[in-house]
Amino acid sequence: MNGPDDVKRKVFAYLETQRPLPGADETEKLRYDYLDTGFVDSVQVVELVMQLEDDLGVRLEPEHLQSEEFRTVGGLIQIIQRLARR
């Protein structure tokens, strides 16, 4: 099972493969809206979801992907952490 820190580390690692997430500290990075800012494009979102599902053994459903929570780094981490506890 993946712990909360493992989930956070993997999400950050994937998102930062091309460039660092903006933000002066972790709190700002967790609040960052990676979708609206164009940090990732639609293909990268699909790759992100597939990679996280494979690495963390979770299944993101359409309602997760369409939620406001999914739009921020911290929200994505929270969704995955909840799914991992099931």
PDB file of N, CA and C in Angstrom:
ATOM      1  N   MET A   1       0.846  -1.189   0.000  1.00  0.00           N
ATOM      2  CA  MET A   1       0.000   0.000   0.000  1.00  0.00           C
ATOM      3  C   MET A   1       0.885   1.243   0.000  1.00  0.00           C
ATOM      4  N   ASN A   2       0.452   2.244  -0.675  1.00  0.00           N
ATOM      5  CA  ASN A   2       1.186   3.492  -0.749  1.00  0.00           C
ATOM      6  C   ASN A   2       0.692   4.444   0.329  1.00  0.00           C
ATOM      7  N   GLY A   3       1.641   5.000   1.086  1.00  0.00           N
ATOM      8  CA  GLY A   3       1.288   5.961   2.115  1.00  0.00           C
ATOM      9  C   GLY A   3       1.071   7.342   1.516  1.00  0.00           C
ATOM     10  N   PRO A   4       0.556   8.268   2.335  1.00  0.00           N
ATOM     11  CA  PRO A   4       0.294   9.632   1.853  1.00  0.00           C
ATOM     12  C   PRO A   4       1.527  10.310   1.256  1.00  0.00           C
ATOM     13  N   ASP A   5       2.685  10.101   1.881  1.00  0.00           N
ATOM     14  CA  ASP A   5       3.899  10.727   1.353  1.00  0.00           C
ATOM     15  C   ASP A   5       4.310  10.122   0.017  1.00  0.00           C
ATOM     16  N   ASP A   6       4.072   8.814  -0.150  1.00  0.00           N
ATOM     17  CA  ASP A   6       4.376   8.160  -1.427  1.00  0.00           C
ATOM     18  C   ASP A   6       3.515   8.737  -2.543  1.00  0.00           C
ATOM     19  N   VAL A   7       2.235   8.924  -2.251  1.00  0.00           N
ATOM     20  CA  VAL A   7       1.318   9.483  -3.246  1.00  0.00           C
ATOM     21  C   VAL A   7       1.775  10.884  -3.627  1.00  0.00           C
ATOM     22  N   LYS A   8       2.051  11.710  -2.643  1.00  0.00           N
ATOM     23  CA  LYS A   8       2.483  13.086  -2.912  1.00  0.00           C
ATOM     24  C   LYS A   8       3.768  13.098  -3.741  1.00  0.00           C
ATOM     25  N   ARG A   9       4.722  12.266  -3.351  1.00  0.00           N
ATOM     26  CA  ARG A   9       6.002  12.216  -4.063  1.00  0.00           C
ATOM     27  C   ARG A   9       5.806  11.801  -5.524  1.00  0.00           C
ATOM     28  N   LYS A  10       4.954  10.811  -5.771  1.00  0.00           N
ATOM     29  CA  LYS A  10       4.746  10.339  -7.140  1.00  0.00           C
ATOM     30  C   LYS A  10       4.008  11.367  -7.997  1.00  0.00           C
ATOM     31  N   VAL A  11       3.025  12.054  -7.416  1.00  0.00           N
ATOM     32  CA  VAL A  11       2.311  13.093  -8.165  1.00  0.00           C
ATOM     33  C   VAL A  11       3.269  14.226  -8.514  1.00  0.00           C
ATOM     34  N   PHE A  12       4.046  14.683  -7.544  1.00  0.00           N
ATOM     35  CA  PHE A  12       5.007  15.752  -7.805  1.00  0.00           C
ATOM     36  C   PHE A  12       6.020  15.307  -8.856  1.00  0.00           C
ATOM     37  N   ALA A  13       6.529  14.086  -8.731  1.00  0.00           N
ATOM     38  CA  ALA A  13       7.541  13.591  -9.668  1.00  0.00           C
ATOM     39  C   ALA A  13       7.006  13.572 -11.095  1.00  0.00           C
ATOM     40  N   TYR A  14       5.782  13.095 -11.275  1.00  0.00           N
ATOM     41  CA  TYR A  14       5.239  13.052 -12.625  1.00  0.00           C
ATOM     42  C   TYR A  14       5.033  14.456 -13.171  1.00  0.00           C
ATOM     43  N   LEU A  15       4.403  15.317 -12.395  1.00  0.00           N
ATOM     44  CA  LEU A  15       4.114  16.669 -12.882  1.00  0.00           C
ATOM     45  C   LEU A  15       5.389  17.454 -13.167  1.00  0.00           C
ATOM     46  N   GLU A  16       6.454  17.150 -12.450  1.00  0.00           N
ATOM     47  CA  GLU A  16       7.690  17.910 -12.623  1.00  0.00           C
ATOM     48  C   GLU A  16       8.672  17.251 -13.590  1.00  0.00           C
ATOM     49  N   THR A  17       8.206  16.319 -14.417  1.00  0.00           N
ATOM     50  CA  THR A  17       9.118  15.689 -15.373  1.00  0.00           C
ATOM     51  C   THR A  17       9.631  16.678 -16.412  1.00  0.00           C
ATOM     52  N   GLN A  18       8.824  17.653 -16.793  1.00  0.00           N
ATOM     53  CA  GLN A  18       9.225  18.627 -17.808  1.00  0.00           C
ATOM     54  C   GLN A  18       9.804  19.908 -17.214  1.00  0.00           C
ATOM     55  N   ARG A  19       9.201  20.368 -16.109  1.00  0.00           N
ATOM     56  CA  ARG A  19       9.658  21.602 -15.459  1.00  0.00           C
ATOM     57  C   ARG A  19       9.109  21.635 -14.037  1.00  0.00           C
ATOM     58  N   PRO A  20       9.741  22.415 -13.166  1.00  0.00           N
ATOM     59  CA  PRO A  20       9.270  22.473 -11.777  1.00  0.00           C
ATOM     60  C   PRO A  20       7.889  23.120 -11.673  1.00  0.00           C
ATOM     61  N   LEU A  21       7.120  22.656 -10.717  1.00  0.00           N
ATOM     62  CA  LEU A  21       5.846  23.304 -10.418  1.00  0.00           C
ATOM     63  C   LEU A  21       6.124  24.693  -9.860  1.00  0.00           C
ATOM     64  N   PRO A  22       5.365  25.694 -10.277  1.00  0.00           N
ATOM     65  CA  PRO A  22       5.566  27.023  -9.713  1.00  0.00           C
ATOM     66  C   PRO A  22       5.096  27.070  -8.261  1.00  0.00           C
ATOM     67  N   GLY A  23       5.728  27.918  -7.507  1.00  0.00           N
ATOM     68  CA  GLY A  23       5.363  28.094  -6.101  1.00  0.00           C
ATOM     69  C   GLY A  23       6.604  28.197  -5.249  1.00  0.00           C
ATOM     70  N   ALA A  24       6.536  29.083  -4.274  1.00  0.00           N
ATOM     71  CA  ALA A  24       7.683  29.319  -3.406  1.00  0.00           C
ATOM     72  C   ALA A  24       7.870  28.196  -2.391  1.00  0.00           C
ATOM     73  N   ASP A  25       6.790  27.509  -2.061  1.00  0.00           N
ATOM     74  CA  ASP A  25       6.876  26.435  -1.077  1.00  0.00           C
ATOM     75  C   ASP A  25       5.860  25.347  -1.427  1.00  0.00           C
ATOM     76  N   GLU A  26       5.863  24.307  -0.629  1.00  0.00           N
ATOM     77  CA  GLU A  26       4.978  23.175  -0.918  1.00  0.00           C
ATOM     78  C   GLU A  26       3.505  23.573  -0.872  1.00  0.00           C
ATOM     79  N   THR A  27       3.137  24.452   0.044  1.00  0.00           N
ATOM     80  CA  THR A  27       1.739  24.881   0.153  1.00  0.00           C
ATOM     81  C   THR A  27       1.266  25.529  -1.141  1.00  0.00           C
ATOM     82  N   GLU A  28       2.078  26.397  -1.714  1.00  0.00           N
ATOM     83  CA  GLU A  28       1.714  27.039  -2.985  1.00  0.00           C
ATOM     84  C   GLU A  28       1.631  26.014  -4.105  1.00  0.00           C
ATOM     85  N   LYS A  29       2.546  25.070  -4.111  1.00  0.00           N
ATOM     86  CA  LYS A  29       2.521  24.032  -5.144  1.00  0.00           C
ATOM     87  C   LYS A  29       1.267  23.171  -5.031  1.00  0.00           C
ATOM     88  N   LEU A  30       0.843  22.875  -3.810  1.00  0.00           N
ATOM     89  CA  LEU A  30      -0.357  22.066  -3.609  1.00  0.00           C
ATOM     90  C   LEU A  30      -1.612  22.800  -4.066  1.00  0.00           C
ATOM     91  N   ARG A  31      -1.616  24.115  -3.983  1.00  0.00           N
ATOM     92  CA  ARG A  31      -2.772  24.923  -4.406  1.00  0.00           C
ATOM     93  C   ARG A  31      -2.764  25.217  -5.906  1.00  0.00           C
ATOM     94  N   TYR A  32      -1.693  24.893  -6.576  1.00  0.00           N
ATOM     95  CA  TYR A  32      -1.515  25.241  -7.984  1.00  0.00           C
ATOM     96  C   TYR A  32      -2.529  24.518  -8.868  1.00  0.00           C
ATOM     97  N   ASP A  33      -3.212  25.272  -9.723  1.00  0.00           N
ATOM     98  CA  ASP A  33      -4.186  24.726 -10.675  1.00  0.00           C
ATOM     99  C   ASP A  33      -3.438  24.376 -11.965  1.00  0.00           C
ATOM    100  N   TYR A  34      -3.001  23.144 -12.052  1.00  0.00           N
ATOM    101  CA  TYR A  34      -2.178  22.711 -13.178  1.00  0.00           C
ATOM    102  C   TYR A  34      -2.975  22.586 -14.477  1.00  0.00           C
ATOM    103  N   LEU A  35      -4.295  22.518 -14.401  1.00  0.00           N
ATOM    104  CA  LEU A  35      -5.113  22.411 -15.616  1.00  0.00           C
ATOM    105  C   LEU A  35      -5.387  23.775 -16.240  1.00  0.00           C
ATOM    106  N   ASP A  36      -5.953  24.697 -15.461  1.00  0.00           N
ATOM    107  CA  ASP A  36      -6.312  26.012 -16.013  1.00  0.00           C
ATOM    108  C   ASP A  36      -5.105  26.805 -16.488  1.00  0.00           C
ATOM    109  N   THR A  37      -3.961  26.570 -15.882  1.00  0.00           N
ATOM    110  CA  THR A  37      -2.756  27.311 -16.265  1.00  0.00           C
ATOM    111  C   THR A  37      -2.062  26.711 -17.483  1.00  0.00           C
ATOM    112  N   GLY A  38      -2.512  25.536 -17.914  1.00  0.00           N
ATOM    113  CA  GLY A  38      -1.884  24.895 -19.063  1.00  0.00           C
ATOM    114  C   GLY A  38      -0.570  24.212 -18.733  1.00  0.00           C
ATOM    115  N   PHE A  39      -0.326  23.964 -17.460  1.00  0.00           N
ATOM    116  CA  PHE A  39       0.913  23.289 -17.062  1.00  0.00           C
ATOM    117  C   PHE A  39       1.014  21.922 -17.730  1.00  0.00           C
ATOM    118  N   VAL A  40      -0.136  21.256 -17.877  1.00  0.00           N
ATOM    119  CA  VAL A  40      -0.211  20.003 -18.631  1.00  0.00           C
ATOM    120  C   VAL A  40      -1.283  20.155 -19.701  1.00  0.00           C
ATOM    121  N   ASP A  41      -1.061  19.504 -20.831  1.00  0.00           N
ATOM    122  CA  ASP A  41      -2.076  19.537 -21.885  1.00  0.00           C
ATOM    123  C   ASP A  41      -2.946  18.282 -21.777  1.00  0.00           C
ATOM    124  N   SER A  42      -3.894  18.147 -22.679  1.00  0.00           N
ATOM    125  CA  SER A  42      -4.856  17.043 -22.580  1.00  0.00           C
ATOM    126  C   SER A  42      -4.187  15.674 -22.690  1.00  0.00           C
ATOM    127  N   VAL A  43      -3.182  15.558 -23.528  1.00  0.00           N
ATOM    128  CA  VAL A  43      -2.471  14.282 -23.654  1.00  0.00           C
ATOM    129  C   VAL A  43      -1.731  13.972 -22.358  1.00  0.00           C
ATOM    130  N   GLN A  44      -1.107  14.976 -21.778  1.00  0.00           N
ATOM    131  CA  GLN A  44      -0.378  14.772 -20.527  1.00  0.00           C
ATOM    132  C   GLN A  44      -1.314  14.407 -19.377  1.00  0.00           C
ATOM    133  N   VAL A  45      -2.540  14.925 -19.397  1.00  0.00           N
ATOM    134  CA  VAL A  45      -3.512  14.556 -18.360  1.00  0.00           C
ATOM    135  C   VAL A  45      -3.825  13.066 -18.461  1.00  0.00           C
ATOM    136  N   VAL A  46      -4.033  12.581 -19.675  1.00  0.00           N
ATOM    137  CA  VAL A  46      -4.307  11.151 -19.871  1.00  0.00           C
ATOM    138  C   VAL A  46      -3.112  10.328 -19.402  1.00  0.00           C
ATOM    139  N   GLU A  47      -1.911  10.746 -19.777  1.00  0.00           N
ATOM    140  CA  GLU A  47      -0.703  10.038 -19.355  1.00  0.00           C
ATOM    141  C   GLU A  47      -0.560  10.061 -17.837  1.00  0.00           C
ATOM    142  N   LEU A  48      -0.838  11.212 -17.232  1.00  0.00           N
ATOM    143  CA  LEU A  48      -0.768  11.354 -15.779  1.00  0.00           C
ATOM    144  C   LEU A  48      -1.707  10.367 -15.100  1.00  0.00           C
ATOM    145  N   VAL A  49      -2.946  10.332 -15.546  1.00  0.00           N
ATOM    146  CA  VAL A  49      -3.941   9.440 -14.948  1.00  0.00           C
ATOM    147  C   VAL A  49      -3.513   7.985 -15.104  1.00  0.00           C
ATOM    148  N   MET A  50      -3.097   7.601 -16.298  1.00  0.00           N
ATOM    149  CA  MET A  50      -2.687   6.217 -16.536  1.00  0.00           C
ATOM    150  C   MET A  50      -1.488   5.834 -15.677  1.00  0.00           C
ATOM    151  N   GLN A  51      -0.514   6.718 -15.602  1.00  0.00           N
ATOM    152  CA  GLN A  51       0.692   6.447 -14.819  1.00  0.00           C
ATOM    153  C   GLN A  51       0.368   6.306 -13.335  1.00  0.00           C
ATOM    154  N   LEU A  52      -0.430   7.229 -12.811  1.00  0.00           N
ATOM    155  CA  LEU A  52      -0.776   7.172 -11.391  1.00  0.00           C
ATOM    156  C   LEU A  52      -1.629   5.944 -11.075  1.00  0.00           C
ATOM    157  N   GLU A  53      -2.546   5.598 -11.970  1.00  0.00           N
ATOM    158  CA  GLU A  53      -3.350   4.388 -11.758  1.00  0.00           C
ATOM    159  C   GLU A  53      -2.456   3.155 -11.708  1.00  0.00           C
ATOM    160  N   ASP A  54      -1.513   3.056 -12.640  1.00  0.00           N
ATOM    161  CA  ASP A  54      -0.603   1.906 -12.671  1.00  0.00           C
ATOM    162  C   ASP A  54       0.311   1.876 -11.452  1.00  0.00           C
ATOM    163  N   ASP A  55       0.920   3.011 -11.145  1.00  0.00           N
ATOM    164  CA  ASP A  55       1.896   3.067 -10.051  1.00  0.00           C
ATOM    165  C   ASP A  55       1.266   2.895  -8.675  1.00  0.00           C
ATOM    166  N   LEU A  56       0.053   3.410  -8.511  1.00  0.00           N
ATOM    167  CA  LEU A  56      -0.542   3.451  -7.176  1.00  0.00           C
ATOM    168  C   LEU A  56      -1.701   2.475  -6.991  1.00  0.00           C
ATOM    169  N   GLY A  57      -2.063   1.765  -8.043  1.00  0.00           N
ATOM    170  CA  GLY A  57      -3.107   0.759  -7.930  1.00  0.00           C
ATOM    171  C   GLY A  57      -4.484   1.323  -7.631  1.00  0.00           C
ATOM    172  N   VAL A  58      -4.769   2.484  -8.193  1.00  0.00           N
ATOM    173  CA  VAL A  58      -6.085   3.106  -8.005  1.00  0.00           C
ATOM    174  C   VAL A  58      -6.761   3.243  -9.362  1.00  0.00           C
ATOM    175  N   ARG A  59      -8.046   3.542  -9.322  1.00  0.00           N
ATOM    176  CA  ARG A  59      -8.809   3.761 -10.556  1.00  0.00           C
ATOM    177  C   ARG A  59      -9.539   5.086 -10.429  1.00  0.00           C
ATOM    178  N   LEU A  60      -9.140   6.049 -11.254  1.00  0.00           N
ATOM    179  CA  LEU A  60      -9.804   7.352 -11.280  1.00  0.00           C
ATOM    180  C   LEU A  60     -10.999   7.261 -12.218  1.00  0.00           C
ATOM    181  N   GLU A  61     -12.164   7.566 -11.692  1.00  0.00           N
ATOM    182  CA  GLU A  61     -13.411   7.511 -12.448  1.00  0.00           C
ATOM    183  C   GLU A  61     -13.690   8.873 -13.091  1.00  0.00           C
ATOM    184  N   PRO A  62     -14.570   8.913 -14.094  1.00  0.00           N
ATOM    185  CA  PRO A  62     -14.890  10.188 -14.747  1.00  0.00           C
ATOM    186  C   PRO A  62     -15.301  11.291 -13.769  1.00  0.00           C
ATOM    187  N   GLU A  63     -16.043  10.936 -12.721  1.00  0.00           N
ATOM    188  CA  GLU A  63     -16.451  11.978 -11.771  1.00  0.00           C
ATOM    189  C   GLU A  63     -15.261  12.580 -11.029  1.00  0.00           C
ATOM    190  N   HIS A  64     -14.200  11.802 -10.834  1.00  0.00           N
ATOM    191  CA  HIS A  64     -12.985  12.356 -10.225  1.00  0.00           C
ATOM    192  C   HIS A  64     -12.341  13.361 -11.180  1.00  0.00           C
ATOM    193  N   LEU A  65     -12.249  12.977 -12.446  1.00  0.00           N
ATOM    194  CA  LEU A  65     -11.570  13.810 -13.438  1.00  0.00           C
ATOM    195  C   LEU A  65     -12.322  15.101 -13.720  1.00  0.00           C
ATOM    196  N   GLN A  66     -13.617  15.105 -13.506  1.00  0.00           N
ATOM    197  CA  GLN A  66     -14.434  16.287 -13.771  1.00  0.00           C
ATOM    198  C   GLN A  66     -14.630  17.161 -12.537  1.00  0.00           C
ATOM    199  N   SER A  67     -14.113  16.740 -11.411  1.00  0.00           N
ATOM    200  CA  SER A  67     -14.316  17.490 -10.169  1.00  0.00           C
ATOM    201  C   SER A  67     -13.379  18.693 -10.093  1.00  0.00           C
ATOM    202  N   GLU A  68     -13.804  19.691  -9.343  1.00  0.00           N
ATOM    203  CA  GLU A  68     -12.951  20.859  -9.086  1.00  0.00           C
ATOM    204  C   GLU A  68     -11.687  20.435  -8.353  1.00  0.00           C
ATOM    205  N   GLU A  69     -11.820  19.466  -7.477  1.00  0.00           N
ATOM    206  CA  GLU A  69     -10.692  18.995  -6.676  1.00  0.00           C
ATOM    207  C   GLU A  69      -9.546  18.493  -7.557  1.00  0.00           C
ATOM    208  N   PHE A  70      -9.879  17.856  -8.666  1.00  0.00           N
ATOM    209  CA  PHE A  70      -8.880  17.282  -9.574  1.00  0.00           C
ATOM    210  C   PHE A  70      -7.986  18.348 -10.192  1.00  0.00           C
ATOM    211  N   ARG A  71      -8.429  19.591 -10.218  1.00  0.00           N
ATOM    212  CA  ARG A  71      -7.739  20.659 -10.932  1.00  0.00           C
ATOM    213  C   ARG A  71      -6.461  21.133 -10.244  1.00  0.00           C
ATOM    214  N   THR A  72      -6.358  20.921  -8.930  1.00  0.00           N
ATOM    215  CA  THR A  72      -5.162  21.371  -8.215  1.00  0.00           C
ATOM    216  C   THR A  72      -4.294  20.177  -7.851  1.00  0.00           C
ATOM    217  N   VAL A  73      -3.025  20.444  -7.660  1.00  0.00           N
ATOM    218  CA  VAL A  73      -2.088  19.386  -7.291  1.00  0.00           C
ATOM    219  C   VAL A  73      -2.522  18.738  -5.978  1.00  0.00           C
ATOM    220  N   GLY A  74      -2.842  19.554  -4.987  1.00  0.00           N
ATOM    221  CA  GLY A  74      -3.266  19.022  -3.695  1.00  0.00           C
ATOM    222  C   GLY A  74      -4.565  18.244  -3.781  1.00  0.00           C
ATOM    223  N   GLY A  75      -5.492  18.718  -4.595  1.00  0.00           N
ATOM    224  CA  GLY A  75      -6.758  18.015  -4.772  1.00  0.00           C
ATOM    225  C   GLY A  75      -6.561  16.658  -5.414  1.00  0.00           C
ATOM    226  N   LEU A  76      -5.708  16.597  -6.420  1.00  0.00           N
ATOM    227  CA  LEU A  76      -5.399  15.325  -7.072  1.00  0.00           C
ATOM    228  C   LEU A  76      -4.805  14.348  -6.059  1.00  0.00           C
ATOM    229  N   ILE A  77      -3.890  14.837  -5.245  1.00  0.00           N
ATOM    230  CA  ILE A  77      -3.275  13.992  -4.219  1.00  0.00           C
ATOM    231  C   ILE A  77      -4.333  13.480  -3.247  1.00  0.00           C
ATOM    232  N   GLN A  78      -5.244  14.340  -2.834  1.00  0.00           N
ATOM    233  CA  GLN A  78      -6.296  13.923  -1.895  1.00  0.00           C
ATOM    234  C   GLN A  78      -7.211  12.864  -2.501  1.00  0.00           C
ATOM    235  N   ILE A  79      -7.568  13.029  -3.763  1.00  0.00           N
ATOM    236  CA  ILE A  79      -8.404  12.024  -4.432  1.00  0.00           C
ATOM    237  C   ILE A  79      -7.702  10.671  -4.414  1.00  0.00           C
ATOM    238  N   ILE A  80      -6.449  10.657  -4.797  1.00  0.00           N
ATOM    239  CA  ILE A  80      -5.708   9.394  -4.870  1.00  0.00           C
ATOM    240  C   ILE A  80      -5.541   8.784  -3.484  1.00  0.00           C
ATOM    241  N   GLN A  81      -5.263   9.612  -2.485  1.00  0.00           N
ATOM    242  CA  GLN A  81      -5.123   9.085  -1.127  1.00  0.00           C
ATOM    243  C   GLN A  81      -6.420   8.437  -0.647  1.00  0.00           C
ATOM    244  N   ARG A  82      -7.557   9.047  -0.939  1.00  0.00           N
ATOM    245  CA  ARG A  82      -8.849   8.450  -0.559  1.00  0.00           C
ATOM    246  C   ARG A  82      -9.058   7.113  -1.275  1.00  0.00           C
ATOM    247  N   LEU A  83      -8.760   7.082  -2.572  1.00  0.00           N
ATOM    248  CA  LEU A  83      -8.935   5.848  -3.339  1.00  0.00           C
ATOM    249  C   LEU A  83      -8.002   4.747  -2.847  1.00  0.00           C
ATOM    250  N   ALA A  84      -6.802   5.118  -2.457  1.00  0.00           N
ATOM    251  CA  ALA A  84      -5.819   4.133  -1.998  1.00  0.00           C
ATOM    252  C   ALA A  84      -6.224   3.502  -0.666  1.00  0.00           C
ATOM    253  N   ARG A  85      -7.027   4.207   0.119  1.00  0.00           N
ATOM    254  CA  ARG A  85      -7.466   3.679   1.421  1.00  0.00           C
ATOM    255  C   ARG A  85      -8.618   2.691   1.289  1.00  0.00           C
ATOM    256  N   ARG A  86      -9.256   2.633   0.144  1.00  0.00           N
ATOM    257  CA  ARG A  86     -10.414   1.730  -0.040  1.00  0.00           C
ATOM    258  C   ARG A  86      -9.997   0.286  -0.082  1.00  0.00           C
TER     259      ARG A  86
END
